[in-house]
Each structure stands twice: as structure tokens, then as C-alpha cells.
Amino acid sequence: MENQKLSLEKEFQYYIKNLDELIKKYEDKYIVIKNGQVLNAYETIDDAIIETKKTEELGTFLVQKCQANEESYTQSYHSRVHFVH
């Protein structure tokens, strides 16, 4: 599992490093990245996952919406958790 996490981190770093070029080709598409290259681009995340898992093992590729803004790859989670000592 740790190897998959590191592998996907490498794929995400590829995305960030090449974002300007990727935007020119794939803006607003869901791109599938594996081994430092774009395998394909899709209109929906569901299509990206369904089609890619036909040839690639789940957990070995990254699906990322290709957008110029940081919000496309940043998420915030809020919780009503209260810690009591």
C-alpha cells in the first residue's frame, strides 16, 4: 500500500510540474496519469476510471481533472469533532 501511495504521489508531482502544458491539451478533461505520462483524457471521472481499469490495476494510476486553478486539486474537509480530555 505504501508503494502505491508513493507511486501516486509521483504521478501527482508530474501533474503539478507539467500543469501549464497539460492545460493547453486537456483543459477541463479528466486525465489519467501513470508512469509519468498521460494515458488518456475523458469527459467524466467515471469514464476515466471505468475505461482505465480495463487495462490498468486500480490504485496504479491517477485520475485528475485538468484545471488551471489550485482548487481543482485541493480539498478542505470540515468536521464537528470535539475533543474532550
N, C-alpha and C. Protein backbone atom coordinates (compact mmCIF):
# COMPACT_ATOMS: atom_id res chain seq x y z
N MET A 1 0.83 -1.21 0.00
CA MET A 1 0.00 0.00 0.00
C MET A 1 0.87 1.26 0.00
N GLU A 2 1.94 1.25 0.77
CA GLU A 2 2.83 2.41 0.82
C GLU A 2 3.45 2.68 -0.54
N ASN A 3 3.81 1.62 -1.28
CA ASN A 3 4.38 1.81 -2.62
C ASN A 3 3.38 2.46 -3.56
N GLN A 4 2.09 2.07 -3.45
CA GLN A 4 1.06 2.69 -4.29
C GLN A 4 0.92 4.17 -3.97
N LYS A 5 0.97 4.50 -2.67
CA LYS A 5 0.86 5.90 -2.26
C LYS A 5 2.01 6.71 -2.83
N LEU A 6 3.23 6.17 -2.75
CA LEU A 6 4.40 6.86 -3.30
C LEU A 6 4.28 6.99 -4.82
N SER A 7 3.79 5.94 -5.47
CA SER A 7 3.63 5.96 -6.92
C SER A 7 2.65 7.05 -7.33
N LEU A 8 1.52 7.14 -6.64
CA LEU A 8 0.53 8.14 -6.97
C LEU A 8 1.04 9.55 -6.64
N GLU A 9 1.87 9.67 -5.63
CA GLU A 9 2.49 10.96 -5.32
C GLU A 9 3.38 11.40 -6.47
N LYS A 10 4.11 10.45 -7.06
CA LYS A 10 4.95 10.76 -8.22
C LYS A 10 4.09 11.23 -9.39
N GLU A 11 2.95 10.58 -9.58
CA GLU A 11 2.05 10.96 -10.67
C GLU A 11 1.50 12.36 -10.44
N PHE A 12 1.16 12.66 -9.19
CA PHE A 12 0.63 13.98 -8.87
C PHE A 12 1.71 15.05 -9.08
N GLN A 13 2.94 14.76 -8.69
CA GLN A 13 4.03 15.70 -8.90
C GLN A 13 4.26 15.95 -10.39
N TYR A 14 4.11 14.91 -11.19
CA TYR A 14 4.19 15.07 -12.65
C TYR A 14 3.11 16.05 -13.11
N TYR A 15 1.90 15.87 -12.60
CA TYR A 15 0.79 16.76 -12.97
C TYR A 15 1.11 18.21 -12.62
N ILE A 16 1.56 18.45 -11.40
CA ILE A 16 1.87 19.81 -10.95
C ILE A 16 3.00 20.42 -11.79
N LYS A 17 4.04 19.64 -12.00
CA LYS A 17 5.21 20.12 -12.74
C LYS A 17 4.86 20.49 -14.19
N ASN A 18 3.95 19.75 -14.79
CA ASN A 18 3.62 19.93 -16.20
C ASN A 18 2.26 20.59 -16.43
N LEU A 19 1.73 21.21 -15.41
CA LEU A 19 0.36 21.73 -15.46
C LEU A 19 0.13 22.68 -16.63
N ASP A 20 1.03 23.60 -16.88
CA ASP A 20 0.81 24.55 -17.97
C ASP A 20 0.64 23.86 -19.32
N GLU A 21 1.49 22.90 -19.59
CA GLU A 21 1.41 22.16 -20.85
C GLU A 21 0.16 21.28 -20.90
N LEU A 22 -0.17 20.66 -19.78
CA LEU A 22 -1.35 19.80 -19.72
C LEU A 22 -2.63 20.61 -19.94
N ILE A 23 -2.68 21.81 -19.38
CA ILE A 23 -3.86 22.68 -19.56
C ILE A 23 -4.08 22.96 -21.04
N LYS A 24 -3.01 23.22 -21.77
CA LYS A 24 -3.13 23.52 -23.20
C LYS A 24 -3.79 22.36 -23.97
N LYS A 25 -3.49 21.13 -23.56
CA LYS A 25 -4.00 19.96 -24.27
C LYS A 25 -5.32 19.43 -23.71
N TYR A 26 -5.47 19.49 -22.38
CA TYR A 26 -6.55 18.74 -21.74
C TYR A 26 -7.45 19.56 -20.81
N GLU A 27 -7.50 20.86 -20.96
CA GLU A 27 -8.27 21.66 -20.01
C GLU A 27 -9.70 21.17 -19.86
N ASP A 28 -10.13 21.06 -18.60
CA ASP A 28 -11.47 20.61 -18.19
C ASP A 28 -11.75 19.14 -18.49
N LYS A 29 -10.75 18.38 -18.83
CA LYS A 29 -10.89 16.93 -19.01
C LYS A 29 -10.33 16.22 -17.78
N TYR A 30 -10.74 14.99 -17.60
CA TYR A 30 -10.17 14.13 -16.56
C TYR A 30 -9.06 13.32 -17.21
N ILE A 31 -7.83 13.56 -16.77
CA ILE A 31 -6.71 12.86 -17.37
C ILE A 31 -6.26 11.72 -16.47
N VAL A 32 -5.80 10.66 -17.10
CA VAL A 32 -5.27 9.50 -16.39
C VAL A 32 -3.76 9.53 -16.55
N ILE A 33 -3.06 9.53 -15.41
CA ILE A 33 -1.61 9.61 -15.41
C ILE A 33 -1.04 8.34 -14.78
N LYS A 34 -0.07 7.75 -15.48
CA LYS A 34 0.64 6.59 -14.95
C LYS A 34 2.06 6.60 -15.52
N ASN A 35 3.02 6.31 -14.67
CA ASN A 35 4.42 6.28 -15.07
C ASN A 35 4.88 7.58 -15.73
N GLY A 36 4.40 8.70 -15.20
CA GLY A 36 4.84 9.99 -15.70
C GLY A 36 4.37 10.34 -17.09
N GLN A 37 3.22 9.79 -17.48
CA GLN A 37 2.66 10.15 -18.78
C GLN A 37 1.14 10.09 -18.73
N VAL A 38 0.52 10.84 -19.60
CA VAL A 38 -0.94 10.84 -19.70
C VAL A 38 -1.34 9.66 -20.58
N LEU A 39 -2.15 8.76 -20.01
CA LEU A 39 -2.62 7.61 -20.78
C LEU A 39 -3.79 7.98 -21.68
N ASN A 40 -4.68 8.84 -21.14
CA ASN A 40 -5.86 9.23 -21.91
C ASN A 40 -6.56 10.37 -21.20
N ALA A 41 -7.55 10.96 -21.85
CA ALA A 41 -8.36 12.04 -21.28
C ALA A 41 -9.82 11.72 -21.52
N TYR A 42 -10.66 12.09 -20.54
CA TYR A 42 -12.08 11.76 -20.59
C TYR A 42 -12.93 12.94 -20.15
N GLU A 43 -14.18 12.91 -20.53
CA GLU A 43 -15.13 13.97 -20.16
C GLU A 43 -15.56 13.87 -18.70
N THR A 44 -15.65 12.64 -18.17
CA THR A 44 -16.11 12.46 -16.79
C THR A 44 -15.13 11.59 -16.02
N ILE A 45 -15.15 11.74 -14.71
CA ILE A 45 -14.29 10.92 -13.86
C ILE A 45 -14.71 9.45 -13.93
N ASP A 46 -16.01 9.21 -14.03
CA ASP A 46 -16.49 7.83 -14.13
C ASP A 46 -15.94 7.15 -15.39
N ASP A 47 -15.99 7.85 -16.51
CA ASP A 47 -15.45 7.28 -17.75
C ASP A 47 -13.96 7.00 -17.60
N ALA A 48 -13.24 7.93 -16.97
CA ALA A 48 -11.80 7.76 -16.79
C ALA A 48 -11.49 6.50 -16.00
N ILE A 49 -12.20 6.29 -14.93
CA ILE A 49 -11.95 5.12 -14.08
C ILE A 49 -12.41 3.83 -14.77
N ILE A 50 -13.62 3.83 -15.29
CA ILE A 50 -14.17 2.62 -15.91
C ILE A 50 -13.32 2.15 -17.08
N GLU A 51 -12.94 3.07 -17.94
CA GLU A 51 -12.15 2.69 -19.12
C GLU A 51 -10.73 2.29 -18.75
N THR A 52 -10.11 3.01 -17.83
CA THR A 52 -8.72 2.72 -17.49
C THR A 52 -8.57 1.42 -16.72
N LYS A 53 -9.54 1.10 -15.87
CA LYS A 53 -9.41 -0.14 -15.10
C LYS A 53 -9.57 -1.39 -15.97
N LYS A 54 -9.95 -1.21 -17.23
CA LYS A 54 -10.00 -2.34 -18.15
C LYS A 54 -8.59 -2.84 -18.49
N THR A 55 -7.61 -1.93 -18.42
CA THR A 55 -6.24 -2.30 -18.79
C THR A 55 -5.22 -2.08 -17.67
N GLU A 56 -5.61 -1.30 -16.65
CA GLU A 56 -4.68 -0.97 -15.57
C GLU A 56 -5.31 -1.35 -14.23
N GLU A 57 -4.49 -1.74 -13.28
CA GLU A 57 -4.96 -2.11 -11.95
C GLU A 57 -5.34 -0.86 -11.17
N LEU A 58 -6.49 -0.92 -10.49
CA LEU A 58 -6.90 0.20 -9.64
C LEU A 58 -5.81 0.48 -8.61
N GLY A 59 -5.56 1.74 -8.36
CA GLY A 59 -4.53 2.13 -7.41
C GLY A 59 -3.16 2.34 -8.04
N THR A 60 -3.06 2.08 -9.34
CA THR A 60 -1.77 2.24 -10.01
C THR A 60 -1.75 3.44 -10.95
N PHE A 61 -2.86 4.17 -11.01
CA PHE A 61 -2.94 5.35 -11.87
C PHE A 61 -3.68 6.46 -11.15
N LEU A 62 -3.42 7.67 -11.58
CA LEU A 62 -4.04 8.86 -11.00
C LEU A 62 -5.03 9.44 -12.00
N VAL A 63 -6.23 9.76 -11.52
CA VAL A 63 -7.21 10.48 -12.34
C VAL A 63 -7.30 11.89 -11.76
N GLN A 64 -7.07 12.88 -12.61
CA GLN A 64 -7.03 14.26 -12.15
C GLN A 64 -7.76 15.16 -13.14
N LYS A 65 -8.65 16.00 -12.63
CA LYS A 65 -9.29 16.99 -13.51
C LYS A 65 -8.26 18.05 -13.83
N CYS A 66 -8.10 18.32 -15.09
CA CYS A 66 -7.07 19.23 -15.57
C CYS A 66 -7.63 20.66 -15.61
N GLN A 67 -7.28 21.44 -14.59
CA GLN A 67 -7.74 22.82 -14.49
C GLN A 67 -6.60 23.70 -13.98
N ALA A 68 -6.66 24.97 -14.34
CA ALA A 68 -5.59 25.89 -14.01
C ALA A 68 -5.61 26.36 -12.55
N ASN A 69 -6.74 26.26 -11.89
CA ASN A 69 -6.81 26.77 -10.52
C ASN A 69 -6.43 25.70 -9.49
N GLU A 70 -5.89 26.18 -8.39
CA GLU A 70 -5.44 25.28 -7.33
C GLU A 70 -6.60 24.51 -6.70
N GLU A 71 -7.80 25.06 -6.74
CA GLU A 71 -8.95 24.38 -6.15
C GLU A 71 -9.23 23.03 -6.81
N SER A 72 -8.75 22.85 -8.04
CA SER A 72 -9.00 21.59 -8.73
C SER A 72 -8.26 20.41 -8.10
N TYR A 73 -7.24 20.70 -7.31
CA TYR A 73 -6.51 19.60 -6.67
C TYR A 73 -6.33 19.82 -5.17
N THR A 74 -7.11 20.71 -4.58
CA THR A 74 -7.06 20.96 -3.15
C THR A 74 -8.46 20.79 -2.59
N GLN A 75 -8.57 20.06 -1.50
CA GLN A 75 -9.86 19.88 -0.86
C GLN A 75 -9.72 20.15 0.62
N SER A 76 -10.75 20.77 1.19
CA SER A 76 -10.80 21.00 2.63
C SER A 76 -11.95 20.20 3.20
N TYR A 77 -11.71 19.60 4.32
CA TYR A 77 -12.74 18.82 5.00
C TYR A 77 -13.00 19.45 6.36
N HIS A 78 -14.26 19.60 6.70
CA HIS A 78 -14.64 20.19 7.98
C HIS A 78 -15.43 19.14 8.76
N SER A 79 -15.22 19.16 10.06
CA SER A 79 -15.89 18.19 10.91
C SER A 79 -16.35 18.87 12.19
N ARG A 80 -17.35 18.32 12.80
CA ARG A 80 -17.84 18.84 14.07
C ARG A 80 -17.29 18.01 15.23
N VAL A 81 -16.10 17.57 15.09
CA VAL A 81 -15.47 16.76 16.14
C VAL A 81 -15.08 17.65 17.29
N HIS A 82 -15.34 17.17 18.48
CA HIS A 82 -14.96 17.90 19.70
C HIS A 82 -14.13 16.94 20.56
N PHE A 83 -12.93 17.35 20.87
CA PHE A 83 -12.07 16.50 21.69
C PHE A 83 -12.21 16.87 23.15
N VAL A 84 -12.41 15.88 23.99
CA VAL A 84 -12.55 16.09 25.43
C VAL A 84 -11.41 15.37 26.12
N HIS A 85 -10.75 16.07 27.02
CA HIS A 85 -9.63 15.45 27.75
C HIS A 85 -10.11 14.87 29.05
